[in-house]
Structure formats: C-alpha cells, structure tokens
Amino acid sequence: MIGPGTGVRVYLACGVTDMRKGIEGLAALAQDQLRHALAQVNLGFLYVGGRGVTQDQAEASKWFHAAAEQGYAGAQSILGNSYKEGLGVPQNYHEAVRWYRAGAEQGHARAQRGLGTMYSEGLGVPQDYNKAYLWLNLAVANGDVNGVEERDEIAAKLPPEALAAAQARASACISSGYKDCD
C-alpha cells in the first residue's frame, strides 16, 4: 500500500542514500509537467509530518490540492478532511463536502465515510441520516472498518423502512458506478 513517505522510500531504495536528495527528487516529480499526483500526495505527507522538511500544513494542503484537482481520489479525501478540520486551509464545510463527494463518487472508502459523517453531523449539508447511512454503508462495503460503528449508530436512528430504502439506494449507487447515489 502506498502511504505517507512512500515516495522518499522509493528514492532511497533506488540508491539515493540522502533523505534531502530523495525529497528533492520527489519534489521534482511532483512539479513535473505530468503533475504526478502520487508524488504530490507523498510530498504533502512529508510536509504534514515534517519529515526531511519543515512541518507546514499549508504547504501540505497545496500538494494535496494539486493531486485532488487531477482527480486522485485519495487526495480528494485528504483535502476533504483538511477543509473539515481547517488543516492548512481555512475551515470550510462546503469545500469539505465537495472534496469528499469527489472521492466518494470514485468509490474511495475514506471519502465515502467522510461524506457520510458530514451528512450525519449536518456539516456543509443539511443533516440527513438516510444519506449518512447510505455513504457510511458504502464506505464499510468498500473496506473501511472504521465506519462500522458510526454506520450502525445511524442505522439505529432510522425506521426499518428507511433503513431498507437506504440499503437499496446503496446497491443502486454501486451499480451506477457511484453516480446515482444521492
């Protein structure tokens, strides 16, 4: 699995023994005209953690935003969280929903959980337990075990007929390639 710091480890595995040189190589790839989204995400994680660079949430968000704009679902989920929490960007629930939805509609489980949470809490969207359950159920179906408890809490708030309808909508959503979900 590719995650925080992976890009630098790749450079180090290729014989680059200096972390600074690994970061420079990753930065060059991220800034390349091809706009390599994975390199941008990894560079963002380095700035989040302050690994080999000065910790800087705003700089991290810049790189996450660049990857998200290219349609990289993982970056869209991260950016949704950044806007929800105000990490490196001004807190903005509407932007959080926008980015979570972009990732969720590509089947990204963490983005789906993020979107479900926004509906559950009524942040950036009207509170809607039916939609919250739909997105949380999809997240769990796509492997996000961290969403199980929240999904089940929402399920307990829904009447049986609403729960059945939300489950049917989740199936239709999957069948539509995540385009017919709300």
Protein backbone atom coordinates (compact mmCIF):
# COMPACT_ATOMS: atom_id res chain seq x y z
CA MET A 1 0.00 0.00 0.00
CA ILE A 2 1.24 3.46 -0.84
CA GLY A 3 1.07 5.87 2.03
CA PRO A 4 2.88 8.63 3.87
CA GLY A 5 6.56 8.83 2.96
CA THR A 6 6.42 6.12 0.30
CA GLY A 7 7.91 8.37 -2.37
CA VAL A 8 11.04 9.08 -0.38
CA ARG A 9 11.43 5.37 0.46
CA VAL A 10 11.28 4.65 -3.28
CA TYR A 11 14.12 7.11 -3.91
CA LEU A 12 16.10 5.67 -1.02
CA ALA A 13 15.51 2.12 -2.33
CA CYS A 14 16.88 3.22 -5.72
CA GLY A 15 20.26 4.06 -4.19
CA VAL A 16 19.63 7.64 -3.12
CA THR A 17 21.03 7.50 0.40
CA ASP A 18 20.40 11.10 1.41
CA MET A 19 16.87 11.97 2.53
CA ARG A 20 17.25 15.53 1.24
CA LYS A 21 18.09 14.20 -2.23
CA GLY A 22 15.11 11.84 -2.02
CA ILE A 23 12.85 14.76 -1.16
CA GLU A 24 14.33 16.85 -3.99
CA GLY A 25 13.68 14.00 -6.43
CA LEU A 26 10.12 13.63 -5.19
CA ALA A 27 9.56 17.40 -5.43
CA ALA A 28 10.88 17.41 -9.00
CA LEU A 29 8.50 14.61 -9.91
CA ALA A 30 5.60 16.42 -8.21
CA GLN A 31 6.37 19.62 -10.13
CA ASP A 32 6.96 17.83 -13.43
CA GLN A 33 4.75 18.83 -16.34
CA LEU A 34 2.99 15.46 -15.94
CA ARG A 35 1.91 16.64 -12.47
CA HIS A 36 2.40 13.23 -10.91
CA ALA A 37 -0.44 13.02 -8.37
CA LEU A 38 1.07 10.28 -6.23
CA ALA A 39 4.31 12.22 -5.85
CA GLN A 40 2.26 15.28 -4.89
CA VAL A 41 0.41 13.34 -2.20
CA ASN A 42 3.63 11.91 -0.80
CA LEU A 43 5.24 15.33 -0.75
CA GLY A 44 2.17 16.58 1.11
CA PHE A 45 2.59 13.85 3.74
CA LEU A 46 6.23 14.86 4.23
CA TYR A 47 5.10 18.41 4.99
CA VAL A 48 2.37 17.14 7.34
CA GLY A 49 4.88 15.14 9.36
CA GLY A 50 7.88 17.41 8.98
CA ARG A 51 9.97 14.53 7.63
CA GLY A 52 13.03 16.00 5.97
CA VAL A 53 11.26 19.35 5.55
CA THR A 54 9.88 21.95 7.90
CA GLN A 55 6.42 20.89 9.04
CA ASP A 56 3.94 23.06 7.16
CA GLN A 57 0.22 22.22 6.90
CA ALA A 58 -0.39 24.95 4.30
CA GLU A 59 2.34 23.58 2.04
CA ALA A 60 0.96 20.06 2.54
CA SER A 61 -2.51 21.24 1.55
CA LYS A 62 -1.08 22.86 -1.58
CA TRP A 63 0.29 19.49 -2.72
CA PHE A 64 -2.88 17.60 -1.74
CA HIS A 65 -4.92 20.16 -3.68
CA ALA A 66 -2.75 19.71 -6.78
CA ALA A 67 -3.31 15.94 -6.72
CA ALA A 68 -7.03 16.30 -5.93
CA GLU A 69 -7.52 18.62 -8.90
CA GLN A 70 -6.21 15.83 -11.11
CA GLY A 71 -8.93 13.53 -9.86
CA TYR A 72 -6.83 11.47 -7.44
CA ALA A 73 -9.47 10.11 -5.02
CA GLY A 74 -7.10 9.63 -2.10
CA ALA A 75 -6.04 13.26 -2.29
CA GLN A 76 -9.66 14.35 -2.56
CA SER A 77 -10.42 12.51 0.67
CA ILE A 78 -7.41 14.06 2.39
CA LEU A 79 -8.41 17.51 1.17
CA GLY A 80 -11.96 16.94 2.41
CA ASN A 81 -10.53 16.23 5.84
CA SER A 82 -8.25 19.27 5.62
CA TYR A 83 -11.21 21.56 4.94
CA LYS A 84 -13.35 19.88 7.61
CA GLU A 85 -10.67 20.32 10.27
CA GLY A 86 -9.07 23.53 8.98
CA LEU A 87 -5.67 21.90 8.48
CA GLY A 88 -3.54 24.12 6.26
CA VAL A 89 -6.64 25.73 4.75
CA PRO A 90 -9.45 27.78 6.27
CA GLN A 91 -12.12 25.53 7.74
CA ASN A 92 -14.91 25.28 5.19
CA TYR A 93 -17.53 22.56 5.47
CA HIS A 94 -18.92 23.17 1.97
CA GLU A 95 -15.46 22.61 0.48
CA ALA A 96 -15.04 19.54 2.66
CA VAL A 97 -18.27 18.10 1.27
CA ARG A 98 -17.19 18.97 -2.27
CA TRP A 99 -13.90 17.10 -1.97
CA TYR A 100 -15.29 14.17 0.00
CA ARG A 101 -18.01 13.77 -2.66
CA ALA A 102 -15.43 13.85 -5.49
CA GLY A 103 -13.53 10.98 -3.88
CA ALA A 104 -16.67 9.13 -2.76
CA GLU A 105 -18.04 9.08 -6.29
CA GLN A 106 -14.89 7.26 -7.35
CA GLY A 107 -15.50 4.57 -4.74
CA HIS A 108 -12.90 5.77 -2.23
CA ALA A 109 -13.96 4.31 1.13
CA ARG A 110 -12.47 7.02 3.38
CA ALA A 111 -14.05 9.75 1.26
CA GLN A 112 -17.37 7.91 1.49
CA ARG A 113 -17.04 7.75 5.27
CA GLY A 114 -16.12 11.44 5.39
CA LEU A 115 -19.17 12.35 3.31
CA GLY A 116 -21.39 10.15 5.47
CA THR A 117 -20.10 11.88 8.58
CA MET A 118 -20.82 15.30 7.08
CA TYR A 119 -24.44 14.22 6.47
CA SER A 120 -24.66 12.69 9.94
CA GLU A 121 -23.45 15.87 11.64
CA GLY A 122 -25.10 18.32 9.23
CA LEU A 123 -21.79 19.97 8.33
CA GLY A 124 -21.87 21.74 4.96
CA VAL A 125 -25.10 19.90 4.08
CA PRO A 126 -28.46 19.56 5.80
CA GLN A 127 -28.36 16.78 8.38
CA ASP A 128 -29.76 13.67 6.70
CA TYR A 129 -29.47 10.29 8.38
CA ASN A 130 -30.67 8.48 5.25
CA LYS A 131 -27.79 9.88 3.18
CA ALA A 132 -25.40 9.45 6.10
CA TYR A 133 -26.28 5.76 6.30
CA LEU A 134 -26.01 5.37 2.53
CA TRP A 135 -22.46 6.75 2.37
CA LEU A 136 -21.28 5.07 5.57
CA ASN A 137 -22.68 1.75 4.36
CA LEU A 138 -20.79 2.16 1.08
CA ALA A 139 -17.60 3.00 2.97
CA VAL A 140 -17.90 -0.15 5.05
CA ALA A 141 -18.73 -2.22 1.96
CA ASN A 142 -15.55 -0.85 0.37
CA GLY A 143 -13.42 -1.93 3.32
CA ASP A 144 -13.46 1.00 5.76
CA VAL A 145 -13.84 -0.88 9.04
CA ASN A 146 -13.58 2.41 10.96
CA GLY A 147 -17.03 3.35 9.69
CA VAL A 148 -18.86 0.31 11.08
CA GLU A 149 -19.72 1.82 14.47
CA GLU A 150 -20.90 5.14 13.02
CA ARG A 151 -22.96 3.36 10.35
CA ASP A 152 -24.60 1.17 12.97
CA GLU A 153 -25.38 4.19 15.19
CA ILE A 154 -27.11 5.86 12.25
CA ALA A 155 -28.97 2.64 11.39
CA ALA A 156 -30.42 2.61 14.92
CA LYS A 157 -31.88 6.09 14.30
CA LEU A 158 -33.70 5.05 11.10
CA PRO A 159 -37.12 3.39 10.96
CA PRO A 160 -36.93 -0.08 9.34
CA GLU A 161 -38.48 1.10 6.05
CA ALA A 162 -35.99 4.00 5.76
CA LEU A 163 -33.10 1.67 6.53
CA ALA A 164 -34.26 -0.77 3.83
CA ALA A 165 -34.58 2.11 1.35
CA ALA A 166 -31.07 3.36 2.18
CA GLN A 167 -29.68 -0.15 1.67
CA ALA A 168 -31.45 -0.38 -1.69
CA ARG A 169 -30.04 3.04 -2.68
CA ALA A 170 -26.56 1.83 -1.75
CA SER A 171 -26.95 -1.12 -4.12
CA ALA A 172 -28.20 1.18 -6.89
CA CYS A 173 -25.31 3.53 -6.21
CA ILE A 174 -22.75 0.75 -6.63
CA SER A 175 -24.49 -0.46 -9.80
CA SER A 176 -24.36 3.06 -11.26
CA GLY A 177 -20.62 3.40 -10.64
CA TYR A 178 -21.33 5.82 -7.75
CA LYS A 179 -23.18 8.29 -10.00
CA ASP A 180 -26.73 7.66 -8.76
CA CYS A 181 -26.22 7.93 -5.03
CA ASP A 182 -27.97 10.94 -3.53
